[in-house]
Protein backbone atom coordinates (compact mmCIF):
# COMPACT_ATOMS: atom_id res chain seq x y z
CA UNK A 1 0.00 0.00 0.00
CA UNK A 2 1.44 3.33 -1.06
CA UNK A 3 1.62 6.10 1.53
CA UNK A 4 -0.02 8.54 -0.89
CA UNK A 5 -2.79 6.14 -1.90
CA UNK A 6 -6.20 7.82 -2.20
CA UNK A 7 -8.70 6.54 0.36
CA UNK A 8 -12.42 6.59 -0.32
CA UNK A 9 -14.99 5.89 2.39
CA UNK A 10 -17.76 3.44 3.16
CA UNK A 11 -19.84 4.47 6.17
CA UNK A 12 -21.97 1.87 7.89
CA UNK A 13 -25.07 3.79 8.92
CA UNK A 14 -28.08 3.01 11.10
CA UNK A 15 -29.75 6.42 11.14
CA UNK A 16 -28.88 7.04 14.79
CA UNK A 17 -27.04 9.97 16.34
CA UNK A 18 -23.67 8.20 16.33
CA UNK A 19 -23.67 6.82 12.80
CA UNK A 20 -25.05 9.99 11.21
CA UNK A 21 -22.48 12.10 13.06
CA UNK A 22 -19.79 9.72 11.81
CA UNK A 23 -21.01 10.18 8.23
CA UNK A 24 -20.91 13.96 8.61
CA UNK A 25 -17.45 13.78 10.18
CA UNK A 26 -16.13 11.70 7.29
CA UNK A 27 -17.71 13.93 4.66
CA UNK A 28 -16.63 17.25 6.18
CA UNK A 29 -13.37 16.43 7.98
CA UNK A 30 -11.88 13.43 6.18
CA UNK A 31 -13.19 14.61 2.80
CA UNK A 32 -12.73 11.39 0.82
CA UNK A 33 -12.94 11.65 -2.98
CA UNK A 34 -15.76 9.10 -2.97
CA UNK A 35 -18.13 8.12 -0.19
CA UNK A 36 -21.11 5.84 0.15
CA UNK A 37 -23.43 4.82 2.97
CA UNK A 38 -24.39 1.22 3.68
CA UNK A 39 -27.56 0.46 5.64
CA UNK A 40 -28.22 -3.09 6.77
CA UNK A 41 -31.80 -4.23 7.27
CA UNK A 42 -31.49 -7.09 9.76
CA UNK A 43 -35.21 -7.23 10.49
CA UNK A 44 -35.14 -4.50 13.13
CA UNK A 45 -38.61 -3.22 13.98
CA UNK A 46 -37.54 0.39 13.36
CA UNK A 47 -36.01 -0.16 9.90
CA UNK A 48 -38.65 2.00 8.20
CA UNK A 49 -37.82 5.02 10.37
CA UNK A 50 -34.08 4.46 10.10
CA UNK A 51 -34.14 4.16 6.34
CA UNK A 52 -36.24 7.32 6.03
CA UNK A 53 -33.62 9.28 8.01
CA UNK A 54 -30.71 7.76 6.12
CA UNK A 55 -32.16 8.66 2.75
CA UNK A 56 -32.64 12.25 3.92
CA UNK A 57 -29.05 12.38 5.20
CA UNK A 58 -27.68 10.86 2.01
CA UNK A 59 -29.47 13.49 -0.05
CA UNK A 60 -28.02 16.28 2.09
CA UNK A 61 -24.51 14.82 1.91
CA UNK A 62 -24.73 14.05 -1.79
CA UNK A 63 -23.92 10.37 -1.28
CA UNK A 64 -25.60 7.18 -2.36
CA UNK A 65 -27.10 4.59 -0.03
CA UNK A 66 -26.72 0.87 -0.53
CA UNK A 67 -29.29 -1.23 1.36
CA UNK A 68 -28.23 -4.74 2.35
CA UNK A 69 -30.75 -7.44 3.25
CA UNK A 70 -29.63 -9.15 6.46
CA UNK A 71 -33.07 -10.18 7.63
CA UNK A 72 -31.78 -13.69 8.24
CA UNK A 73 -29.96 -12.19 11.24
CA UNK A 74 -33.24 -10.99 12.69
CA UNK A 75 -34.59 -14.48 12.18
CA UNK A 76 -32.04 -15.99 14.55
CA UNK A 77 -31.83 -13.07 16.97
CA UNK A 78 -33.42 -13.12 20.42
CA UNK A 79 -33.20 -9.31 20.64
CA UNK A 80 -36.39 -7.36 21.25
CA UNK A 81 -35.25 -5.10 18.42
CA UNK A 82 -36.36 -7.78 15.97
CA UNK A 83 -39.57 -8.84 17.72
CA UNK A 84 -43.03 -7.28 17.60
CA UNK A 85 -43.45 -7.25 21.37
CA UNK A 86 -43.76 -4.36 23.84
CA UNK A 87 -40.46 -2.63 24.60
CA UNK A 88 -39.96 -2.31 28.37
CA UNK A 89 -39.86 1.19 29.78
CA UNK A 90 -36.58 2.20 31.42
CA UNK A 91 -36.98 4.36 34.49
CA UNK A 92 -34.70 7.42 34.57
CA UNK A 93 -33.18 6.30 37.88
CA UNK A 94 -32.21 2.94 36.34
CA UNK A 95 -30.46 4.36 33.29
CA UNK A 96 -27.00 4.64 34.87
CA UNK A 97 -27.25 1.71 37.27
CA UNK A 98 -24.47 -0.73 36.15
CA UNK A 99 -26.30 -3.83 37.33
CA UNK A 100 -29.55 -2.82 35.66
CA UNK A 101 -27.59 -2.02 32.50
CA UNK A 102 -26.03 -5.50 32.49
CA UNK A 103 -29.48 -7.01 32.82
CA UNK A 104 -30.70 -4.99 29.82
CA UNK A 105 -27.88 -5.86 27.41
CA UNK A 106 -29.33 -9.09 26.06
CA UNK A 107 -32.62 -7.35 25.32
CA UNK A 108 -30.83 -5.48 22.54
CA UNK A 109 -28.03 -7.90 21.59
CA UNK A 110 -28.20 -9.26 18.04
CA UNK A 111 -25.71 -12.10 17.47
CA UNK A 112 -22.38 -10.79 16.14
CA UNK A 113 -24.15 -7.77 14.63
CA UNK A 114 -21.33 -5.22 14.59
CA UNK A 115 -18.85 -7.78 13.30
CA UNK A 116 -21.26 -8.74 10.53
CA UNK A 117 -21.88 -5.10 9.61
CA UNK A 118 -18.16 -4.45 9.33
CA UNK A 119 -17.63 -7.56 7.22
CA UNK A 120 -20.36 -6.32 4.88
CA UNK A 121 -18.50 -3.03 4.55
CA UNK A 122 -15.16 -4.80 4.15
CA UNK A 123 -16.55 -7.07 1.42
CA UNK A 124 -17.65 -4.01 -0.54
CA UNK A 125 -14.27 -2.34 0.00
CA UNK A 126 -12.46 -5.40 -1.31
CA UNK A 127 -14.80 -5.74 -4.27
CA UNK A 128 -14.16 -2.13 -5.27
CA UNK A 129 -10.40 -2.58 -5.01
CA UNK A 130 -10.38 -5.77 -7.05
CA UNK A 131 -12.67 -4.37 -9.74
CA UNK A 132 -11.35 -0.81 -10.01
CA UNK A 133 -8.17 -0.49 -7.94
CA UNK A 134 -9.85 2.08 -5.68
CA UNK A 135 -9.25 1.88 -1.94
CA UNK A 136 -12.08 2.32 0.55
CA UNK A 137 -11.84 2.62 4.31
CA UNK A 138 -14.79 1.33 6.34
CA UNK A 139 -16.20 3.63 9.03
CA UNK A 140 -18.59 2.72 11.82
CA UNK A 141 -20.18 4.95 14.47
CA UNK A 142 -19.64 2.77 17.51
CA UNK A 143 -18.44 4.40 20.72
CA UNK A 144 -18.05 3.67 24.37
CA UNK A 145 -21.34 3.01 26.12
CA UNK A 146 -22.00 3.82 29.75
CA UNK A 147 -22.42 2.58 32.40
CA UNK A 148 -21.59 -0.84 30.88
CA UNK A 149 -19.68 -1.18 27.62
CA UNK A 150 -20.73 -3.82 25.12
CA UNK A 151 -17.80 -5.92 23.88
CA UNK A 152 -18.31 -4.89 20.26
CA UNK A 153 -18.23 -1.16 21.05
CA UNK A 154 -14.63 -1.08 22.27
CA UNK A 155 -11.25 -0.03 20.84
CA UNK A 156 -10.15 -3.65 21.29
CA UNK A 157 -12.98 -4.82 19.04
CA UNK A 158 -11.93 -2.38 16.31
CA UNK A 159 -8.30 -3.53 16.61
CA UNK A 160 -9.34 -7.17 16.27
CA UNK A 161 -11.53 -6.43 13.25
CA UNK A 162 -8.58 -4.71 11.59
CA UNK A 163 -6.44 -7.79 12.21
CA UNK A 164 -9.18 -9.95 10.75
CA UNK A 165 -9.35 -7.69 7.69
CA UNK A 166 -5.71 -8.48 6.91
CA UNK A 167 -6.37 -12.22 6.96
CA UNK A 168 -9.86 -12.18 5.43
CA UNK A 169 -8.96 -10.24 2.27
CA UNK A 170 -6.62 -11.11 -0.58
CA UNK A 171 -4.61 -7.89 -0.74
CA UNK A 172 -4.98 -6.55 2.80
CA UNK A 173 -4.40 -2.89 3.51
CA UNK A 174 -8.01 -2.10 4.35
CA UNK A 175 -8.82 0.02 7.39
CA UNK A 176 -11.76 -0.18 9.76
CA UNK A 177 -12.17 3.11 11.59
CA UNK A 178 -14.39 4.26 14.47
CA UNK A 179 -13.67 7.99 14.92
CA UNK A 180 -16.16 8.42 17.79
CA UNK A 181 -14.95 5.44 19.80
CA UNK A 182 -13.73 7.45 22.82
CA UNK A 183 -16.63 9.89 23.01
CA UNK A 184 -19.62 9.85 25.32
CA UNK A 185 -22.97 10.52 23.67
CA UNK A 186 -23.08 14.17 24.73
CA UNK A 187 -19.65 14.56 23.13
CA UNK A 188 -21.06 13.10 19.92
CA UNK A 189 -23.94 15.59 20.03
CA UNK A 190 -21.50 18.50 20.46
CA UNK A 191 -19.43 17.28 17.52
CA UNK A 192 -22.50 16.69 15.39
CA UNK A 193 -23.78 20.17 16.17
CA UNK A 194 -20.48 21.65 14.99
CA UNK A 195 -20.68 19.59 11.81
CA UNK A 196 -24.26 20.62 11.07
CA UNK A 197 -25.94 17.25 11.59
CA UNK A 198 -29.71 17.55 10.88
CA UNK A 199 -30.90 15.98 14.14
CA UNK A 200 -34.51 15.67 12.99
CA UNK A 201 -33.22 13.10 10.49
CA UNK A 202 -31.71 10.83 13.13
CA UNK A 203 -33.57 8.05 14.89
CA UNK A 204 -32.66 6.31 18.14
CA UNK A 205 -35.84 4.70 19.45
CA UNK A 206 -35.94 0.96 20.10
CA UNK A 207 -39.73 0.74 19.86
CA UNK A 208 -40.84 2.86 16.93
CA UNK A 209 -43.67 5.25 17.72
CA UNK A 210 -45.20 6.17 14.38
CA UNK A 211 -45.12 9.33 12.31
CA UNK A 212 -46.28 12.90 12.67
CA UNK A 213 -46.82 15.77 10.25
CA UNK A 214 -44.74 18.65 11.61
CA UNK A 215 -44.35 20.74 8.50
CA UNK A 216 -43.06 17.52 6.99
CA UNK A 217 -43.54 13.84 7.77
CA UNK A 218 -41.15 12.85 10.57
CA UNK A 219 -40.70 9.74 12.74
CA UNK A 220 -41.62 9.82 16.43
CA UNK A 221 -39.57 8.43 19.35
CA UNK A 222 -41.35 6.62 22.19
CA UNK A 223 -39.42 8.58 24.84
CA UNK A 224 -39.39 5.80 27.45
CA UNK A 225 -36.97 3.15 26.16
CA UNK A 226 -33.38 3.32 27.38
CA UNK A 227 -32.11 4.63 24.05
CA UNK A 228 -34.63 7.48 23.95
CA UNK A 229 -33.70 8.46 27.49
CA UNK A 230 -29.96 8.42 26.65
CA UNK A 231 -30.60 10.47 23.53
CA UNK A 232 -32.60 13.15 25.33
CA UNK A 233 -30.10 13.35 28.19
CA UNK A 234 -27.17 13.64 25.77
CA UNK A 235 -28.70 16.71 24.13
CA UNK A 236 -29.36 18.22 27.55
CA UNK A 237 -25.79 17.60 28.77
CA UNK A 238 -24.37 18.93 25.50
CA UNK A 239 -26.40 22.13 25.81
CA UNK A 240 -27.95 21.53 22.39
CA UNK A 241 -31.73 21.90 21.84
CA UNK A 242 -33.29 18.49 21.26
CA UNK A 243 -35.58 18.71 18.20
CA UNK A 244 -36.65 15.06 18.52
CA UNK A 245 -40.35 14.26 18.48
CA UNK A 246 -41.32 12.11 21.48
CA UNK A 247 -44.60 10.38 22.21
CA UNK A 248 -43.72 10.78 25.90
CA UNK A 249 -41.10 13.38 26.79
CA UNK A 250 -38.25 11.55 28.61
């Protein structure tokens, strides 16, 4: 790999605060010659809302979106994210309780999801290099979670995926990057605000709470799941107005 080799970008995107901020960071700070977004539909109950936001973001960034069908993953997952069942409410006082957080993890854990997402991105990066000689780095918006960190949201996970990339591809030299990995969510909101992220086109809710006409058709957050509560609190801590539409204000 030449030191001056041009690096394009593939951004794995879910439509949430972290992944959309990552896409804006790559577009405005990294400034790759070419960039595309990859959204994976793994049967998550909120895919409709996420895809709506991603298509809006892609239009604003001037990038294309590739949608990958991973619904087989939802078929084997035990996560509530892929089931049409009520999403438990998280009480505000339980949000930062480490033991309660550990108990909640498996509610949202899809088997090997982040590893699979990165391998999807890596496969596209390798295909582009083999077919056209163009290099693509793969970006993902994972970051440290509090109060309990999931194993696939850590710097160690990113390091291991980069090692795997060297062995899993013919040429090697691909990079998996997580620029937000050391930030808390309020730090992500501050960065996104600086980058001009259109927050109304981000979606964090685990439940999915329908749509509303607010000058335009926009998705609604439930406001009571743990992710909605973390989202609302992050905006508050960052000192950034939260434009999110909530069925119940967190």
